[in-house]
Each structure stands twice: as C-alpha cells, then as structure tokens.
C-alpha cells in the first residue's frame, strides 16, 4: 500500500513535528541497521553517541541526514536522553520518540506511536512489552513490577510497563522540568514528573526482541 511507504510516514512525522532520538553506547553491531530502519519512517533523527569506544563514530559518519551529539566520555543513558530531548525542544519539535540502538526495539512500531498521539495529543506514551514472553529476562520482569508499584504509589496511575525505553515524549508540553538522575533511572523519573505536571501518561503495546 502506497500510504504505508516511506514518503507517507516521513510526511506524517514532519507534519506532527516528530523527531526520533537514539542514544547509543558501543552498539556497533546493531546501530547501522537500527538507524536505517528508523530513517525509513523519520525525516528527523538525533543520535547521541555516549562516549562509545568501538566503531560507532565511523558508522554515524556513513549515515546521511542525521544529527549527532557526541559525548567525549560515557555519561549514562539518562544524560544522553536529556541532551537529546533538550535539542529536540530547542529545535521546535513537538514530540520526540526514543528507542534503543541494540536492536531490541522495532522501528516498525513508530506508526503505533503516531496513531496513538493523533488520538491523544500531547500525551507521554510508554511502549509496553509483553513481560510474560518466554525469552523475557527474569530480572526485567521483577524490576518492572517493582517500578510499576512505585510509580503507582507516587502518581496514582497504573501502568503495565514503566521501564521500557521505547517512548514518545511531548517535549514542548513537558517544558523545563528539572531532572536529577543521569542513568536509567531518568526514564522513571521523567514519567513521574510528567504525571505530576498533569500530562497524560499511558502505555501502548510494542514488539520487543530479546535474543
């Protein structure tokens, strides 16, 4: 179908002012594939090279039409995301989709976020994984249940998955929230602060790959 081709989705994301943010740290084996898949859907992509010591820099030079933020040393995923979201806001994007560079997330789920945000504008969408899948690491399931409990305690909102890094942030709506964490904890902190600010936070189903 023509409407599901790259031109259709790139125009759709451009019209909705959506940028895709990909933090990466030493993922040279999967990075090029992930970015090429993302670029099928997204005309605007920001990559944060968080102090990678492998061939990440060379790979990024070979991918046209992306914006790169480079950290001279590793600062943690939270800092990488904050810098990417800051750039997105400064450049006037309304939304930022974040996903991992290790091949865990599927770029083909980007339309799921787009369809949902058209129905619920300026929400913060968190991709919900199937935590009952046979190959889901046990530590992920336990950590997520604990995180879900803590999130509900702090906000009164029940989510099935609070730890997924595949998200859509309403960057303009979030304004200039001040965050305190620099590593993976940032992703939980962000949805807590968003809820306190009155932003709708909800899960949407996504696919995930765990080898």
N, C-alpha and C. Protein backbone atom coordinates (compact mmCIF):
# COMPACT_ATOMS: atom_id res chain seq x y z
N UNK A 1 0.84 -1.20 0.00
CA UNK A 1 0.00 0.00 0.00
C UNK A 1 0.87 1.25 0.00
N UNK A 2 0.56 2.17 -0.88
CA UNK A 2 1.38 3.37 -1.02
C UNK A 2 1.38 4.20 0.26
N UNK A 3 0.23 4.20 0.96
CA UNK A 3 0.11 5.06 2.14
C UNK A 3 1.00 4.61 3.30
N UNK A 4 1.52 3.38 3.22
CA UNK A 4 2.39 2.91 4.28
C UNK A 4 3.86 2.97 3.87
N UNK A 5 4.16 3.61 2.75
CA UNK A 5 5.54 3.74 2.30
C UNK A 5 6.29 4.82 3.04
N UNK A 6 7.58 4.91 2.74
CA UNK A 6 8.44 5.84 3.47
C UNK A 6 8.00 7.28 3.31
N UNK A 7 7.55 7.68 2.10
CA UNK A 7 7.13 9.06 1.88
C UNK A 7 5.94 9.41 2.76
N UNK A 8 5.00 8.48 2.87
CA UNK A 8 3.81 8.72 3.69
C UNK A 8 4.19 8.99 5.14
N UNK A 9 5.03 8.12 5.71
CA UNK A 9 5.36 8.26 7.12
C UNK A 9 6.27 9.45 7.38
N UNK A 10 7.18 9.71 6.47
CA UNK A 10 8.06 10.87 6.67
C UNK A 10 7.25 12.16 6.64
N UNK A 11 6.29 12.25 5.75
CA UNK A 11 5.44 13.44 5.70
C UNK A 11 4.58 13.54 6.96
N UNK A 12 4.10 12.40 7.43
CA UNK A 12 3.27 12.38 8.63
C UNK A 12 4.08 12.86 9.85
N UNK A 13 5.29 12.34 10.03
CA UNK A 13 6.11 12.75 11.16
C UNK A 13 6.52 14.21 11.05
N UNK A 14 6.80 14.66 9.83
CA UNK A 14 7.16 16.06 9.63
C UNK A 14 5.99 16.97 10.01
N UNK A 15 4.78 16.60 9.59
CA UNK A 15 3.59 17.41 9.87
C UNK A 15 3.31 17.48 11.37
N UNK A 16 3.57 16.37 12.07
CA UNK A 16 3.31 16.33 13.51
C UNK A 16 4.48 16.85 14.34
N UNK A 17 5.56 17.23 13.67
CA UNK A 17 6.77 17.76 14.33
C UNK A 17 7.38 16.72 15.29
N UNK A 18 7.65 15.55 14.71
CA UNK A 18 8.20 14.44 15.49
C UNK A 18 9.66 14.20 15.10
N UNK A 19 10.52 14.07 16.09
CA UNK A 19 11.91 13.68 15.87
C UNK A 19 12.14 12.37 16.61
N UNK A 20 13.02 11.53 16.08
CA UNK A 20 13.37 10.28 16.75
C UNK A 20 14.76 10.43 17.36
N UNK A 21 14.88 10.05 18.63
CA UNK A 21 16.14 10.16 19.37
C UNK A 21 16.66 8.77 19.68
N UNK A 22 17.93 8.53 19.34
CA UNK A 22 18.54 7.22 19.56
C UNK A 22 19.84 7.40 20.36
N UNK A 23 19.83 7.11 21.66
CA UNK A 23 21.08 7.11 22.42
C UNK A 23 21.84 5.82 22.13
N UNK A 24 23.15 5.90 22.05
CA UNK A 24 23.91 4.68 21.75
C UNK A 24 25.24 4.66 22.48
N UNK A 25 25.61 3.46 22.92
CA UNK A 25 26.90 3.26 23.58
C UNK A 25 27.43 1.88 23.21
N UNK A 26 28.45 1.85 22.37
CA UNK A 26 29.12 0.61 21.96
C UNK A 26 28.15 -0.44 21.40
N UNK A 27 27.29 0.00 20.48
CA UNK A 27 26.38 -0.92 19.80
C UNK A 27 26.69 -1.01 18.31
N UNK A 28 27.96 -1.15 17.99
CA UNK A 28 28.38 -1.12 16.58
C UNK A 28 27.76 -2.25 15.76
N UNK A 29 27.38 -3.36 16.37
CA UNK A 29 26.85 -4.49 15.61
C UNK A 29 25.43 -4.26 15.13
N UNK A 30 24.68 -3.42 15.84
CA UNK A 30 23.27 -3.22 15.51
C UNK A 30 22.93 -1.79 15.08
N UNK A 31 23.81 -0.85 15.34
CA UNK A 31 23.50 0.57 15.17
C UNK A 31 23.07 0.93 13.76
N UNK A 32 23.82 0.51 12.75
CA UNK A 32 23.51 0.88 11.37
C UNK A 32 22.14 0.36 10.95
N UNK A 33 21.84 -0.87 11.30
CA UNK A 33 20.54 -1.44 10.94
C UNK A 33 19.41 -0.69 11.62
N UNK A 34 19.58 -0.41 12.90
CA UNK A 34 18.55 0.33 13.64
C UNK A 34 18.29 1.70 13.00
N UNK A 35 19.36 2.43 12.71
CA UNK A 35 19.19 3.78 12.16
C UNK A 35 18.61 3.75 10.75
N UNK A 36 19.02 2.80 9.93
CA UNK A 36 18.45 2.70 8.59
C UNK A 36 16.96 2.39 8.66
N UNK A 37 16.57 1.53 9.61
CA UNK A 37 15.15 1.23 9.78
C UNK A 37 14.39 2.46 10.27
N UNK A 38 14.98 3.20 11.20
CA UNK A 38 14.34 4.41 11.73
C UNK A 38 14.16 5.44 10.63
N UNK A 39 15.18 5.60 9.80
CA UNK A 39 15.14 6.61 8.74
C UNK A 39 14.11 6.31 7.66
N UNK A 40 13.62 5.08 7.61
CA UNK A 40 12.52 4.75 6.70
C UNK A 40 11.28 5.55 7.09
N UNK A 41 11.08 5.74 8.38
CA UNK A 41 9.89 6.42 8.88
C UNK A 41 10.12 7.89 9.22
N UNK A 42 11.32 8.21 9.70
CA UNK A 42 11.54 9.52 10.30
C UNK A 42 12.47 10.39 9.46
N UNK A 43 12.04 11.60 9.10
CA UNK A 43 12.93 12.52 8.38
C UNK A 43 13.92 13.22 9.29
N UNK A 44 13.63 13.22 10.59
CA UNK A 44 14.50 13.91 11.57
C UNK A 44 14.92 12.93 12.65
N UNK A 45 16.24 12.75 12.77
CA UNK A 45 16.79 11.78 13.72
C UNK A 45 17.96 12.41 14.46
N UNK A 46 17.95 12.29 15.78
CA UNK A 46 19.07 12.73 16.61
C UNK A 46 19.70 11.51 17.26
N UNK A 47 21.01 11.36 17.10
CA UNK A 47 21.73 10.25 17.73
C UNK A 47 22.68 10.82 18.77
N UNK A 48 22.67 10.25 19.96
CA UNK A 48 23.61 10.66 20.99
C UNK A 48 24.65 9.56 21.14
N UNK A 49 25.88 9.83 20.71
CA UNK A 49 26.99 8.90 20.88
C UNK A 49 27.57 9.14 22.27
N UNK A 50 27.20 8.27 23.20
CA UNK A 50 27.52 8.50 24.61
C UNK A 50 28.88 7.91 24.97
N UNK A 51 29.93 8.47 24.36
CA UNK A 51 31.28 8.07 24.70
C UNK A 51 31.67 6.69 24.21
N UNK A 52 31.12 6.25 23.08
CA UNK A 52 31.43 4.92 22.56
C UNK A 52 32.92 4.78 22.25
N UNK A 53 33.43 3.58 22.50
CA UNK A 53 34.85 3.30 22.24
C UNK A 53 35.03 2.29 21.11
N UNK A 54 33.94 1.92 20.45
CA UNK A 54 34.02 0.99 19.32
C UNK A 54 34.00 1.79 18.01
N UNK A 55 33.38 1.26 16.95
CA UNK A 55 33.38 1.94 15.66
C UNK A 55 32.12 2.79 15.44
N UNK A 56 31.46 3.17 16.53
CA UNK A 56 30.23 3.96 16.41
C UNK A 56 30.43 5.25 15.62
N UNK A 57 31.51 5.98 15.88
CA UNK A 57 31.74 7.27 15.20
C UNK A 57 31.82 7.08 13.69
N UNK A 58 32.53 6.04 13.25
CA UNK A 58 32.67 5.78 11.83
C UNK A 58 31.33 5.39 11.20
N UNK A 59 30.54 4.61 11.93
CA UNK A 59 29.23 4.21 11.43
C UNK A 59 28.33 5.42 11.24
N UNK A 60 28.35 6.33 12.21
CA UNK A 60 27.48 7.51 12.14
C UNK A 60 27.87 8.42 10.98
N UNK A 61 29.15 8.48 10.65
CA UNK A 61 29.60 9.30 9.52
C UNK A 61 29.05 8.78 8.20
N UNK A 62 28.73 7.50 8.16
CA UNK A 62 28.24 6.90 6.93
C UNK A 62 26.74 6.95 6.76
N UNK A 63 26.03 7.54 7.71
CA UNK A 63 24.56 7.64 7.63
C UNK A 63 24.17 9.10 7.43
N UNK A 64 23.65 9.45 6.26
CA UNK A 64 23.34 10.85 5.97
C UNK A 64 22.09 11.36 6.70
N UNK A 65 21.99 12.65 6.79
CA UNK A 65 20.77 13.33 7.26
C UNK A 65 20.38 12.98 8.69
N UNK A 66 21.37 12.75 9.55
CA UNK A 66 21.08 12.61 10.97
C UNK A 66 21.88 13.65 11.73
N UNK A 67 21.39 14.03 12.89
CA UNK A 67 22.13 14.96 13.74
C UNK A 67 22.76 14.16 14.87
N UNK A 68 24.01 14.46 15.16
CA UNK A 68 24.75 13.67 16.14
C UNK A 68 25.23 14.57 17.29
N UNK A 69 24.96 14.13 18.51
CA UNK A 69 25.53 14.72 19.71
C UNK A 69 26.59 13.74 20.21
N UNK A 70 27.80 14.21 20.43
CA UNK A 70 28.87 13.32 20.86
C UNK A 70 29.34 13.68 22.27
N UNK A 71 29.31 12.70 23.15
CA UNK A 71 29.88 12.85 24.49
C UNK A 71 31.30 12.29 24.45
N UNK A 72 32.30 13.06 24.83
CA UNK A 72 33.68 12.57 24.82
C UNK A 72 33.87 11.33 25.69
N UNK A 73 33.07 11.23 26.75
CA UNK A 73 33.13 10.04 27.61
C UNK A 73 31.71 9.64 27.97
N UNK A 74 31.55 8.41 28.41
CA UNK A 74 30.23 7.90 28.73
C UNK A 74 29.64 8.62 29.95
N UNK A 75 28.43 9.15 29.79
CA UNK A 75 27.77 9.89 30.86
C UNK A 75 26.51 9.21 31.38
N UNK A 76 26.09 8.14 30.73
CA UNK A 76 24.90 7.43 31.16
C UNK A 76 23.71 7.73 30.27
N UNK A 77 22.79 6.75 30.20
CA UNK A 77 21.65 6.88 29.30
C UNK A 77 20.78 8.08 29.64
N UNK A 78 20.60 8.35 30.94
CA UNK A 78 19.76 9.48 31.33
C UNK A 78 20.28 10.79 30.80
N UNK A 79 21.58 11.02 30.93
CA UNK A 79 22.18 12.25 30.41
C UNK A 79 22.07 12.32 28.90
N UNK A 80 22.28 11.18 28.24
CA UNK A 80 22.16 11.14 26.78
C UNK A 80 20.74 11.52 26.35
N UNK A 81 19.75 10.95 27.02
CA UNK A 81 18.36 11.27 26.68
C UNK A 81 18.04 12.73 26.97
N UNK A 82 18.49 13.23 28.10
CA UNK A 82 18.22 14.63 28.44
C UNK A 82 18.80 15.57 27.40
N UNK A 83 20.01 15.29 26.93
CA UNK A 83 20.62 16.15 25.91
C UNK A 83 19.88 16.04 24.59
N UNK A 84 19.43 14.85 24.24
CA UNK A 84 18.66 14.69 23.02
C UNK A 84 17.32 15.39 23.10
N UNK A 85 16.63 15.25 24.23
CA UNK A 85 15.34 15.91 24.40
C UNK A 85 15.48 17.43 24.44
N UNK A 86 16.59 17.90 25.03
CA UNK A 86 16.84 19.34 25.06
C UNK A 86 17.01 19.88 23.64
N UNK A 87 17.78 19.16 22.82
CA UNK A 87 17.96 19.60 21.43
C UNK A 87 16.64 19.58 20.68
N UNK A 88 15.83 18.54 20.91
CA UNK A 88 14.54 18.44 20.25
C UNK A 88 13.66 19.64 20.59
N UNK A 89 13.64 20.00 21.86
CA UNK A 89 12.83 21.14 22.30
C UNK A 89 13.35 22.44 21.69
N UNK A 90 14.67 22.62 21.71
CA UNK A 90 15.26 23.85 21.18
C UNK A 90 14.99 24.00 19.68
N UNK A 91 14.92 22.88 18.98
CA UNK A 91 14.68 22.93 17.53
C UNK A 91 13.20 23.02 17.19
N UNK A 92 12.36 23.05 18.21
CA UNK A 92 10.94 23.30 17.99
C UNK A 92 10.10 22.08 17.71
N UNK A 93 10.64 20.88 17.92
CA UNK A 93 9.83 19.68 17.73
C UNK A 93 8.78 19.58 18.82
N UNK A 94 7.62 19.09 18.45
CA UNK A 94 6.54 18.92 19.43
C UNK A 94 6.69 17.60 20.18
N UNK A 95 7.15 16.58 19.47
CA UNK A 95 7.28 15.24 20.05
C UNK A 95 8.65 14.66 19.77
N UNK A 96 9.10 13.77 20.66
CA UNK A 96 10.33 13.02 20.44
C UNK A 96 10.08 11.57 20.79
N UNK A 97 10.35 10.69 19.83
CA UNK A 97 10.28 9.26 20.07
C UNK A 97 11.68 8.77 20.41
N UNK A 98 11.82 8.02 21.50
CA UNK A 98 13.12 7.49 21.88
C UNK A 98 13.10 5.97 21.76
N UNK A 99 14.19 5.40 21.24
CA UNK A 99 14.31 3.95 21.20
C UNK A 99 15.77 3.56 21.30
N UNK A 100 16.00 2.31 21.69
CA UNK A 100 17.35 1.83 21.92
C UNK A 100 18.05 1.46 20.61
N UNK A 101 19.37 1.41 20.66
CA UNK A 101 20.16 1.12 19.45
C UNK A 101 20.68 -0.31 19.43
N UNK A 102 20.24 -1.15 20.37
CA UNK A 102 20.77 -2.52 20.45
C UNK A 102 19.93 -3.54 19.69
N UNK A 103 18.94 -3.08 18.93
CA UNK A 103 18.10 -3.99 18.16
C UNK A 103 16.92 -4.53 18.93
N UNK A 104 16.76 -4.12 20.17
CA UNK A 104 15.66 -4.61 21.00
C UNK A 104 14.31 -4.07 20.52
N UNK A 105 14.31 -2.83 20.02
CA UNK A 105 13.08 -2.19 19.58
C UNK A 105 12.96 -2.24 18.06
N UNK A 106 11.73 -2.24 17.58
CA UNK A 106 11.44 -2.30 16.16
C UNK A 106 10.97 -0.94 15.66
N UNK A 107 11.67 -0.40 14.66
CA UNK A 107 11.24 0.88 14.08
C UNK A 107 9.85 0.77 13.48
N UNK A 108 9.44 -0.42 13.12
CA UNK A 108 8.11 -0.62 12.53
C UNK A 108 6.99 -0.33 13.52
N UNK A 109 7.31 -0.13 14.80
CA UNK A 109 6.30 0.27 15.78
C UNK A 109 6.13 1.79 15.85
N UNK A 110 6.96 2.55 15.13
CA UNK A 110 6.80 4.01 15.13
C UNK A 110 5.38 4.42 14.72
N UNK A 111 4.78 3.80 13.69
CA UNK A 111 3.40 4.18 13.35
C UNK A 111 2.40 3.96 14.48
N UNK A 112 2.67 3.01 15.38
CA UNK A 112 1.78 2.79 16.52
C UNK A 112 1.75 4.02 17.41
N UNK A 113 2.94 4.60 17.66
CA UNK A 113 3.03 5.82 18.45
C UNK A 113 2.33 6.98 17.75
N UNK A 114 2.52 7.08 16.45
CA UNK A 114 1.93 8.19 15.69
C UNK A 114 0.41 8.12 15.71
N UNK A 115 -0.13 6.94 15.48
CA UNK A 115 -1.59 6.77 15.50
C UNK A 115 -2.17 7.14 16.86
N UNK A 116 -1.48 6.71 17.92
CA UNK A 116 -1.99 6.98 19.27
C UNK A 116 -1.90 8.46 19.62
N UNK A 117 -0.80 9.12 19.24
CA UNK A 117 -0.64 10.52 19.63
C UNK A 117 -1.60 11.41 18.85
N UNK A 118 -2.04 10.97 17.69
CA UNK A 118 -3.07 11.72 16.97
C UNK A 118 -4.40 11.64 17.72
N UNK A 119 -4.63 10.51 18.40
CA UNK A 119 -5.87 10.34 19.16
C UNK A 119 -5.80 11.02 20.53
N UNK A 120 -4.58 11.05 21.12
CA UNK A 120 -4.40 11.65 22.44
C UNK A 120 -3.23 12.64 22.37
N UNK A 121 -3.44 13.82 21.82
CA UNK A 121 -2.35 14.78 21.63
C UNK A 121 -1.66 15.15 22.94
N UNK A 122 -0.33 15.33 22.86
CA UNK A 122 0.49 15.80 23.97
C UNK A 122 0.51 14.86 25.17
N UNK A 123 0.22 13.58 24.94
CA UNK A 123 0.39 12.58 25.98
C UNK A 123 1.84 12.10 25.98
N UNK A 124 2.24 11.43 27.04
CA UNK A 124 3.53 10.75 27.08
C UNK A 124 3.23 9.26 26.96
N UNK A 125 3.71 8.65 25.89
CA UNK A 125 3.40 7.26 25.59
C UNK A 125 4.61 6.37 25.92
N UNK A 126 4.36 5.31 26.67
CA UNK A 126 5.41 4.37 27.05
C UNK A 126 5.10 3.03 26.41
N UNK A 127 6.02 2.53 25.59
CA UNK A 127 5.81 1.24 24.95
C UNK A 127 5.74 0.13 25.99
N UNK A 128 4.70 -0.69 25.93
CA UNK A 128 4.52 -1.78 26.88
C UNK A 128 4.94 -3.09 26.23
N UNK A 129 5.93 -3.75 26.86
CA UNK A 129 6.41 -5.03 26.37
C UNK A 129 5.55 -6.17 26.92
N UNK A 130 5.58 -7.30 26.25
CA UNK A 130 4.92 -8.49 26.77
C UNK A 130 5.85 -9.13 27.79
N UNK A 131 5.64 -8.82 29.05
CA UNK A 131 6.54 -9.26 30.10
C UNK A 131 6.36 -10.74 30.44
N UNK A 132 5.38 -11.38 29.80
CA UNK A 132 5.18 -12.82 30.02
C UNK A 132 5.81 -13.65 28.92
N UNK A 133 6.49 -13.00 27.97
CA UNK A 133 7.11 -13.74 26.87
C UNK A 133 8.16 -14.71 27.40
N UNK A 134 8.31 -15.84 26.70
CA UNK A 134 9.21 -16.89 27.18
C UNK A 134 10.66 -16.43 27.31
N UNK A 135 11.09 -15.56 26.40
CA UNK A 135 12.50 -15.15 26.42
C UNK A 135 12.73 -13.84 27.16
N UNK A 136 11.73 -13.36 27.88
CA UNK A 136 11.91 -12.14 28.67
C UNK A 136 12.80 -12.43 29.87
N UNK A 137 13.92 -11.70 30.02
CA UNK A 137 14.80 -11.93 31.17
C UNK A 137 14.05 -11.74 32.49
N UNK A 138 14.26 -12.68 33.41
CA UNK A 138 13.55 -12.63 34.68
C UNK A 138 13.81 -11.36 35.46
N UNK A 139 15.04 -10.85 35.39
CA UNK A 139 15.38 -9.63 36.13
C UNK A 139 14.56 -8.44 35.62
N UNK A 140 14.25 -8.42 34.32
CA UNK A 140 13.43 -7.34 33.76
C UNK A 140 12.03 -7.37 34.32
N UNK A 141 11.46 -8.58 34.42
CA UNK A 141 10.10 -8.72 34.92
C UNK A 141 10.01 -8.26 36.36
N UNK A 142 10.94 -8.71 37.20
CA UNK A 142 10.93 -8.33 38.62
C UNK A 142 11.12 -6.83 38.79
N UNK A 143 12.12 -6.28 38.09
CA UNK A 143 12.41 -4.85 38.22
C UNK A 143 11.22 -4.02 37.76
N UNK A 144 10.56 -4.47 36.70
CA UNK A 144 9.44 -3.70 36.18
C UNK A 144 8.25 -3.72 37.14
N UNK A 145 8.00 -4.86 37.75
CA UNK A 145 6.90 -4.93 38.71
C UNK A 145 7.15 -3.99 39.89
N UNK A 146 8.37 -3.97 40.36
CA UNK A 146 8.71 -3.07 41.47
C UNK A 146 8.56 -1.61 41.03
N UNK A 147 9.04 -1.31 39.83
CA UNK A 147 8.95 0.05 39.30
C UNK A 147 7.49 0.46 39.10
N UNK A 148 6.67 -0.46 38.59
CA UNK A 148 5.25 -0.17 38.40
C UNK A 148 4.57 0.16 39.73
N UNK A 149 4.92 -0.61 40.76
CA UNK A 149 4.34 -0.39 42.09
C UNK A 149 4.73 0.99 42.61
N UNK A 150 6.01 1.33 42.49
CA UNK A 150 6.50 2.62 42.98
C UNK A 150 5.86 3.77 42.20
N UNK A 151 5.72 3.59 40.89
CA UNK A 151 5.12 4.65 40.06
C UNK A 151 3.67 4.89 40.48
N UNK A 152 2.93 3.81 40.70
CA UNK A 152 1.53 3.96 41.10
C UNK A 152 1.43 4.63 42.47
N UNK A 153 2.37 4.30 43.36
CA UNK A 153 2.38 4.90 44.69
C UNK A 153 2.60 6.40 44.60
N UNK A 154 3.47 6.83 43.71
CA UNK A 154 3.82 8.24 43.59
C UNK A 154 2.79 9.05 42.80
N UNK A 155 2.09 8.41 41.86
CA UNK A 155 1.24 9.17 40.93
C UNK A 155 -0.23 8.77 40.96
N UNK A 156 -0.52 7.57 41.49
CA UNK A 156 -1.89 7.07 41.44
C UNK A 156 -2.26 6.50 40.09
N UNK A 157 -1.31 6.37 39.19
CA UNK A 157 -1.55 5.88 37.83
C UNK A 157 -1.02 4.46 37.71
N UNK A 158 -1.84 3.56 37.16
CA UNK A 158 -1.42 2.17 36.97
C UNK A 158 -0.90 1.99 35.53
N UNK A 159 0.35 1.57 35.42
CA UNK A 159 0.93 1.22 34.13
C UNK A 159 1.41 -0.21 34.18
N UNK A 160 1.38 -0.89 33.04
CA UNK A 160 1.87 -2.26 32.95
C UNK A 160 3.37 -2.32 32.72
N UNK A 161 3.93 -1.24 32.19
CA UNK A 161 5.37 -1.22 31.91
C UNK A 161 5.87 0.21 32.08
N UNK A 162 6.71 0.41 33.10
CA UNK A 162 7.24 1.74 33.37
C UNK A 162 8.72 1.86 33.01
N UNK A 163 9.32 0.77 32.54
CA UNK A 163 10.76 0.77 32.30
C UNK A 163 11.16 0.73 30.83
N UNK A 164 10.19 0.53 29.96
CA UNK A 164 10.51 0.48 28.54
C UNK A 164 11.11 1.80 28.07
N UNK A 165 12.19 1.71 27.28
CA UNK A 165 12.82 2.92 26.75
C UNK A 165 12.23 3.39 25.43
N UNK A 166 11.30 2.63 24.88
CA UNK A 166 10.64 3.00 23.63
C UNK A 166 9.45 3.88 23.99
N UNK A 167 9.56 5.17 23.72
CA UNK A 167 8.58 6.14 24.21
C UNK A 167 8.34 7.28 23.23
N UNK A 168 7.28 8.00 23.50
CA UNK A 168 7.06 9.28 22.84
C UNK A 168 6.88 10.34 23.91
N UNK A 169 7.75 11.35 23.88
CA UNK A 169 7.69 12.45 24.85
C UNK A 169 7.09 13.69 24.18
N UNK A 170 6.15 14.37 24.84
CA UNK A 170 5.65 15.66 24.34
C UNK A 170 6.60 16.76 24.82
N UNK A 171 7.68 16.97 24.10
CA UNK A 171 8.79 17.78 24.63
C UNK A 171 8.39 19.23 24.93
N UNK A 172 7.53 19.81 24.12
CA UNK A 172 7.12 21.19 24.40
C UNK A 172 6.20 21.24 25.62
N UNK A 173 5.31 20.27 25.73
CA UNK A 173 4.38 20.22 26.86
C UNK A 173 5.12 20.00 28.18
N UNK A 174 6.23 19.27 28.11
CA UNK A 174 6.98 18.98 29.34
C UNK A 174 7.74 20.19 29.84
N UNK A 175 7.97 21.14 28.95
CA UNK A 175 8.58 22.39 29.38
C UNK A 175 9.99 22.23 29.88
N UNK A 176 10.31 22.91 30.99
CA UNK A 176 11.68 22.91 31.51
C UNK A 176 11.75 22.17 32.85
N UNK A 177 11.21 20.96 32.87
CA UNK A 177 11.27 20.15 34.08
C UNK A 177 12.72 19.90 34.47
N UNK A 178 13.01 19.96 35.76
CA UNK A 178 14.37 19.73 36.25
C UNK A 178 14.50 18.29 36.72
N UNK A 179 15.48 17.58 36.15
CA UNK A 179 15.69 16.18 36.50
C UNK A 179 16.98 16.03 37.29
N UNK A 180 17.06 14.92 38.03
CA UNK A 180 18.18 14.74 38.95
C UNK A 180 19.05 13.53 38.65
N UNK A 181 18.55 12.57 37.89
CA UNK A 181 19.30 11.34 37.65
C UNK A 181 19.97 11.36 36.28
N UNK A 182 21.04 10.55 36.14
CA UNK A 182 21.82 10.58 34.90
C UNK A 182 21.86 9.24 34.17
N UNK A 183 21.35 8.19 34.82
CA UNK A 183 21.43 6.87 34.19
C UNK A 183 20.02 6.37 33.88
N UNK A 184 19.79 5.06 33.94
CA UNK A 184 18.50 4.51 33.53
C UNK A 184 17.34 5.01 34.39
N UNK A 185 17.65 5.45 35.62
CA UNK A 185 16.58 5.93 36.49
C UNK A 185 15.84 7.13 35.92
N UNK A 186 16.50 7.84 34.99
CA UNK A 186 15.87 9.02 34.39
C UNK A 186 14.52 8.68 33.76
N UNK A 187 14.43 7.51 33.16
CA UNK A 187 13.20 7.18 32.43
C UNK A 187 12.01 7.03 33.37
N UNK A 188 12.24 6.55 34.59
CA UNK A 188 11.17 6.51 35.58
C UNK A 188 10.90 7.90 36.14
N UNK A 189 11.96 8.62 36.41
CA UNK A 189 11.82 9.99 36.91
C UNK A 189 11.00 10.85 35.95
N UNK A 190 11.25 10.69 34.66
CA UNK A 190 10.59 11.52 33.66
C UNK A 190 9.07 11.31 33.66
N UNK A 191 8.63 10.04 33.77
CA UNK A 191 7.18 9.82 33.72
C UNK A 191 6.50 10.20 35.05
N UNK A 192 7.25 10.14 36.15
CA UNK A 192 6.70 10.62 37.42
C UNK A 192 6.49 12.13 37.34
N UNK A 193 7.52 12.85 36.92
CA UNK A 193 7.42 14.32 36.84
C UNK A 193 6.35 14.74 35.83
N UNK A 194 6.23 14.00 34.73
CA UNK A 194 5.21 14.33 33.73
C UNK A 194 3.81 14.18 34.33
N UNK A 195 3.61 13.10 35.07
CA UNK A 195 2.30 12.90 35.70
C UNK A 195 2.00 14.00 36.71
N UNK A 196 2.99 14.37 37.49
CA UNK A 196 2.80 15.46 38.45
C UNK A 196 2.47 16.78 37.75
N UNK A 197 2.93 16.91 36.52
CA UNK A 197 2.67 18.14 35.75
C UNK A 197 1.29 18.11 35.09
N UNK A 198 0.60 16.98 35.20
CA UNK A 198 -0.74 16.87 34.61
C UNK A 198 -0.76 16.33 33.20
N UNK A 199 0.38 15.80 32.74
CA UNK A 199 0.46 15.21 31.40
C UNK A 199 -0.10 13.78 31.45
N UNK A 200 -0.91 13.43 30.47
CA UNK A 200 -1.40 12.06 30.38
C UNK A 200 -0.25 11.11 30.08
N UNK A 201 -0.10 10.08 30.91
CA UNK A 201 0.93 9.06 30.70
C UNK A 201 0.23 7.73 30.52
N UNK A 202 0.51 7.05 29.39
CA UNK A 202 -0.19 5.79 29.14
C UNK A 202 0.70 4.83 28.37
N UNK A 203 0.39 3.56 28.50
CA UNK A 203 1.09 2.51 27.77
C UNK A 203 0.45 2.25 26.41
N UNK A 204 1.27 1.85 25.45
CA UNK A 204 0.78 1.29 24.20
C UNK A 204 1.62 0.04 23.91
N UNK A 205 1.00 -0.95 23.31
CA UNK A 205 1.70 -2.20 23.05
C UNK A 205 2.76 -2.09 21.97
N UNK A 206 3.93 -2.67 22.22
CA UNK A 206 5.00 -2.69 21.24
C UNK A 206 5.58 -4.10 21.16
N UNK A 207 6.37 -4.34 20.11
CA UNK A 207 7.12 -5.59 19.99
C UNK A 207 8.51 -5.37 20.59
N UNK A 208 9.13 -6.44 21.03
CA UNK A 208 10.48 -6.33 21.58
C UNK A 208 11.23 -7.61 21.26
N UNK A 209 12.52 -7.49 21.06
CA UNK A 209 13.36 -8.65 20.73
C UNK A 209 14.42 -8.86 21.79
N UNK A 210 14.40 -10.02 22.40
CA UNK A 210 15.48 -10.44 23.32
C UNK A 210 16.09 -11.71 22.77
N UNK A 211 17.34 -11.66 22.31
CA UNK A 211 17.95 -12.86 21.74
C UNK A 211 18.13 -13.96 22.79
